[in-house]
Amino acid sequence: MRVRRTTLGVAALLLGLPAMLQAGERAQQRLVERYAETLTFPALANRCRRLPAFRDAPFEAELAQWRQRRVATLTEAAALVERVAAAQSQSRESIDAAIREQAERQHAGADAETLAYTCDKLRFTLRGEPVLPVRGAALDEDTRREVIDELLPVATKLMTCEAPERIDVRAAPPAVLRGDASSAAAIADRVEMWNVIGCGKALDVELSLRFPEGDPPTFALGFPRTALPAAH
């Protein structure tokens, strides 16, 4: 199963987390990523406001909504970072500065098109919504975002479609009944089919999920070779 590391997951490396976390390592890694977002999202929103398309976007309201919705997670994340800082004899301020510096370098080096995409994605994240409609998914918000972040770049290339319309999710038939089932599906706790639809095409992607105790789900994606015409 693939364990996804987000761009902001670099923050965990700044803290040296992999060397000290054992039980629940991915859960704590994810907490650090949420903590990094509390530091970097406001600065990113300010950068987005400089783009004409986002000048009037209600970032302050959306940031407040995100903080309120994720308050329990963000409180837990801040406490974890405090413990890590104390264990490593670091100051919280130095950790915060390193996270902000890393994010600032990343966003400053982005071209206008990439920044606009990042800003659009930020607004979906703040509202707790996927970047395109997803029907039938039952994953938690963070796992759903991780799956979509992994799925869309590959799907758009296979479909030759830059802007898919939606994703329809359904339970997958048993692996023994599918000739194209992956090896990951055979050991998964749950298998779903994520059908990406757009540009008159459909790409049925296998999502194999495992649910380790004390950690977020892990997943593997199985892509078909080509897209098919979308059903009407």
Protein backbone atom coordinates (compact mmCIF):
# COMPACT_ATOMS: atom_id res chain seq x y z
CA MET A 1 0.00 0.00 0.00
CA ARG A 2 1.23 3.44 -0.86
CA VAL A 3 1.79 5.89 1.99
CA ARG A 4 1.42 9.35 0.60
CA ARG A 5 3.66 12.19 1.74
CA THR A 6 2.20 15.60 0.96
CA THR A 7 4.29 18.63 0.05
CA LEU A 8 3.65 20.06 3.47
CA GLY A 9 4.70 16.70 4.87
CA VAL A 10 8.23 18.07 4.50
CA ALA A 11 7.41 19.79 7.78
CA ALA A 12 7.55 16.42 9.48
CA LEU A 13 11.06 15.92 8.16
CA LEU A 14 12.03 19.29 9.60
CA LEU A 15 10.94 17.97 12.98
CA GLY A 16 12.75 14.67 12.64
CA LEU A 17 9.51 12.84 13.25
CA PRO A 18 10.24 9.55 11.46
CA ALA A 19 13.12 8.90 13.82
CA MET A 20 11.01 9.22 16.94
CA LEU A 21 7.49 8.10 16.03
CA GLN A 22 6.47 4.47 16.22
CA ALA A 23 2.87 3.57 17.09
CA GLY A 24 0.50 5.83 15.21
CA GLU A 25 3.34 7.32 13.15
CA ARG A 26 1.19 8.25 10.17
CA ALA A 27 -1.51 9.72 12.39
CA GLN A 28 1.09 11.98 13.97
CA GLN A 29 2.66 12.76 10.60
CA ARG A 30 -0.75 13.93 9.44
CA LEU A 31 -1.13 16.09 12.56
CA VAL A 32 2.14 17.81 11.76
CA GLU A 33 0.91 18.49 8.24
CA ARG A 34 -2.25 20.10 9.65
CA TYR A 35 -0.09 22.16 12.01
CA ALA A 36 2.01 23.33 9.07
CA GLU A 37 -1.17 24.42 7.33
CA THR A 38 -2.10 26.69 10.25
CA LEU A 39 1.16 28.54 9.62
CA THR A 40 1.20 28.55 5.83
CA PHE A 41 -2.42 28.92 4.76
CA PRO A 42 -2.78 32.59 5.85
CA ALA A 43 0.39 33.59 3.98
CA LEU A 44 -0.74 31.66 0.92
CA ALA A 45 -4.14 33.37 1.06
CA ASN A 46 -2.41 36.77 1.10
CA ARG A 47 -0.37 35.78 -1.94
CA CYS A 48 -3.53 34.57 -3.70
CA ARG A 49 -5.24 37.93 -3.17
CA ARG A 50 -2.65 39.51 -5.45
CA LEU A 51 -4.02 37.51 -8.38
CA PRO A 52 -6.95 39.24 -10.13
CA ALA A 53 -9.07 36.08 -10.08
CA PHE A 54 -8.87 35.87 -6.27
CA ARG A 55 -8.82 39.55 -5.31
CA ASP A 56 -12.37 39.44 -3.92
CA ALA A 57 -12.31 35.86 -2.63
CA PRO A 58 -13.51 35.62 1.03
CA PHE A 59 -10.30 34.05 2.36
CA GLU A 60 -10.70 35.41 5.90
CA ALA A 61 -14.15 33.86 6.27
CA GLU A 62 -12.98 30.59 4.75
CA LEU A 63 -9.91 30.46 7.01
CA ALA A 64 -12.14 31.06 10.03
CA GLN A 65 -14.51 28.32 8.86
CA TRP A 66 -11.60 25.91 8.43
CA ARG A 67 -10.17 26.67 11.89
CA GLN A 68 -13.57 26.17 13.49
CA ARG A 69 -14.27 22.93 11.63
CA ARG A 70 -10.84 21.46 12.40
CA VAL A 71 -10.39 22.93 15.90
CA ALA A 72 -9.98 19.57 17.65
CA THR A 73 -7.42 18.34 15.12
CA LEU A 74 -5.48 21.62 15.12
CA THR A 75 -5.37 21.70 18.94
CA GLU A 76 -4.04 18.15 19.00
CA ALA A 77 -1.51 19.03 16.29
CA ALA A 78 -0.18 22.03 18.23
CA ALA A 79 0.24 19.91 21.36
CA LEU A 80 2.17 17.27 19.39
CA VAL A 81 4.56 19.86 17.97
CA GLU A 82 5.14 21.25 21.47
CA ARG A 83 6.08 17.75 22.69
CA VAL A 84 8.39 17.16 19.73
CA ALA A 85 10.08 20.53 20.24
CA ALA A 86 10.67 19.79 23.93
CA ALA A 87 11.96 16.28 23.19
CA GLN A 88 14.46 17.66 20.66
CA SER A 89 15.39 20.72 22.73
CA GLN A 90 14.16 23.00 19.97
CA SER A 91 12.09 26.13 20.31
CA ARG A 92 8.60 26.22 18.87
CA GLU A 93 9.57 29.49 17.18
CA SER A 94 12.45 27.90 15.26
CA ILE A 95 10.21 25.08 14.05
CA ASP A 96 7.54 27.56 12.94
CA ALA A 97 10.13 29.64 11.12
CA ALA A 98 11.49 26.61 9.27
CA ILE A 99 8.00 25.57 8.14
CA ARG A 100 7.15 29.09 6.96
CA GLU A 101 10.45 29.42 5.13
CA GLN A 102 9.99 26.14 3.30
CA ALA A 103 6.46 27.08 2.21
CA GLU A 104 7.50 30.58 1.17
CA ARG A 105 10.24 29.19 -1.09
CA GLN A 106 7.79 26.78 -2.66
CA HIS A 107 5.10 29.37 -3.39
CA ALA A 108 7.53 32.10 -4.45
CA GLY A 109 8.97 29.80 -7.11
CA ALA A 110 5.57 28.91 -8.60
CA ASP A 111 4.53 30.36 -11.95
CA ALA A 112 1.22 32.20 -12.27
CA GLU A 113 -0.69 29.18 -13.57
CA THR A 114 0.56 26.91 -10.80
CA LEU A 115 -0.16 29.53 -8.16
CA ALA A 116 -3.70 30.03 -9.47
CA TYR A 117 -4.27 26.26 -9.29
CA THR A 118 -2.88 26.20 -5.75
CA CYS A 119 -5.13 29.08 -4.70
CA ASP A 120 -8.19 27.41 -6.16
CA LYS A 121 -7.31 24.19 -4.35
CA LEU A 122 -6.74 26.12 -1.11
CA ARG A 123 -10.29 27.43 -1.17
CA PHE A 124 -11.71 23.91 -1.61
CA THR A 125 -9.56 22.70 1.29
CA LEU A 126 -10.67 25.52 3.57
CA ARG A 127 -14.30 24.71 2.84
CA GLY A 128 -13.73 20.98 3.34
CA GLU A 129 -14.81 20.20 -0.23
CA PRO A 130 -13.13 18.05 -2.90
CA VAL A 131 -11.70 19.88 -5.91
CA LEU A 132 -14.39 18.30 -8.09
CA PRO A 133 -17.69 16.63 -7.20
CA VAL A 134 -17.26 13.17 -5.69
CA ARG A 135 -20.39 11.06 -5.37
CA GLY A 136 -20.56 8.04 -3.09
CA ALA A 137 -17.25 8.39 -1.22
CA ALA A 138 -17.27 7.64 2.51
CA LEU A 139 -13.66 8.53 3.39
CA ASP A 140 -12.63 11.11 5.94
CA GLU A 141 -11.75 14.57 4.64
CA ASP A 142 -7.97 14.16 4.80
CA THR A 143 -7.86 10.70 3.20
CA ARG A 144 -10.23 11.81 0.45
CA ARG A 145 -7.95 14.75 -0.33
CA GLU A 146 -4.88 12.48 -0.39
CA VAL A 147 -6.57 10.04 -2.77
CA ILE A 148 -7.68 12.81 -5.15
CA ASP A 149 -4.22 14.41 -5.08
CA GLU A 150 -2.73 11.09 -6.20
CA LEU A 151 -5.48 10.15 -8.63
CA LEU A 152 -6.12 13.30 -10.68
CA PRO A 153 -2.64 13.96 -12.16
CA VAL A 154 -2.52 10.44 -13.60
CA ALA A 155 -6.18 10.36 -14.62
CA THR A 156 -6.03 13.65 -16.51
CA LYS A 157 -3.07 12.37 -18.54
CA LEU A 158 -4.66 9.01 -19.35
CA MET A 159 -7.91 10.74 -20.29
CA THR A 160 -6.24 13.65 -22.09
CA CYS A 161 -8.68 15.79 -20.13
CA GLU A 162 -7.48 18.74 -18.06
CA ALA A 163 -10.79 19.36 -16.29
CA PRO A 164 -12.74 16.21 -15.32
CA GLU A 165 -16.34 16.84 -14.33
CA ARG A 166 -16.83 14.47 -11.41
CA ILE A 167 -15.90 11.18 -9.76
CA ASP A 168 -18.48 8.48 -9.09
CA VAL A 169 -17.52 6.00 -6.35
CA ARG A 170 -18.95 2.52 -5.93
CA ALA A 171 -17.98 -0.71 -4.20
CA ALA A 172 -15.75 -2.90 -6.34
CA PRO A 173 -16.80 -6.44 -7.27
CA PRO A 174 -14.72 -9.14 -5.55
CA ALA A 175 -11.17 -9.30 -6.89
CA VAL A 176 -11.65 -12.91 -8.06
CA LEU A 177 -14.38 -11.72 -10.42
CA ARG A 178 -12.25 -9.01 -12.01
CA GLY A 179 -9.55 -9.98 -14.45
CA ASP A 180 -7.86 -6.60 -14.02
CA ALA A 181 -7.83 -6.64 -10.20
CA SER A 182 -4.49 -5.61 -8.68
CA SER A 183 -2.48 -7.55 -6.13
CA ALA A 184 -3.24 -4.76 -3.63
CA ALA A 185 -6.96 -5.49 -3.97
CA ALA A 186 -6.41 -9.07 -2.83
CA ILE A 187 -5.15 -7.94 0.59
CA ALA A 188 -7.25 -4.79 1.01
CA ASP A 189 -9.80 -4.25 3.76
CA ARG A 190 -12.02 -2.44 1.26
CA VAL A 191 -11.88 -1.92 -2.50
CA GLU A 192 -13.73 0.82 -4.35
CA MET A 193 -13.94 1.90 -7.98
CA TRP A 194 -13.46 5.63 -8.54
CA ASN A 195 -14.86 6.41 -11.98
CA VAL A 196 -13.39 9.70 -13.23
CA ILE A 197 -15.69 11.30 -15.81
CA GLY A 198 -14.95 14.18 -18.16
CA CYS A 199 -14.40 15.25 -21.78
CA GLY A 200 -16.78 12.50 -22.90
CA LYS A 201 -14.57 9.82 -21.33
CA ALA A 202 -14.54 7.67 -18.20
CA LEU A 203 -11.59 6.16 -16.34
CA ASP A 204 -12.47 3.48 -13.79
CA VAL A 205 -9.73 3.51 -11.15
CA GLU A 206 -9.37 0.83 -8.49
CA LEU A 207 -8.83 2.12 -4.94
CA SER A 208 -7.60 -0.50 -2.45
CA LEU A 209 -7.82 0.59 1.18
CA ARG A 210 -6.39 -0.77 4.40
CA PHE A 211 -7.30 0.51 7.85
CA PRO A 212 -4.39 -0.06 10.26
CA GLU A 213 -5.24 0.28 13.92
CA GLY A 214 -4.26 3.66 15.32
CA ASP A 215 -3.30 5.15 11.94
CA PRO A 216 -5.08 6.75 8.96
CA PRO A 217 -5.98 4.52 6.03
CA THR A 218 -3.33 3.54 3.51
CA PHE A 219 -4.26 3.10 -0.12
CA ALA A 220 -3.12 1.94 -3.52
CA LEU A 221 -4.49 3.03 -6.89
CA GLY A 222 -4.87 0.72 -9.88
CA PHE A 223 -5.24 2.52 -13.20
CA PRO A 224 -6.55 0.99 -16.42
CA ARG A 225 -4.44 1.42 -19.54
CA THR A 226 -6.92 3.68 -21.33
CA ALA A 227 -10.11 5.62 -20.76
CA LEU A 228 -13.42 4.52 -22.28
CA PRO A 229 -16.25 6.58 -23.72
CA ALA A 230 -18.48 7.85 -20.90
CA ALA A 231 -21.89 6.23 -20.60
CA HIS A 232 -24.84 8.46 -21.43
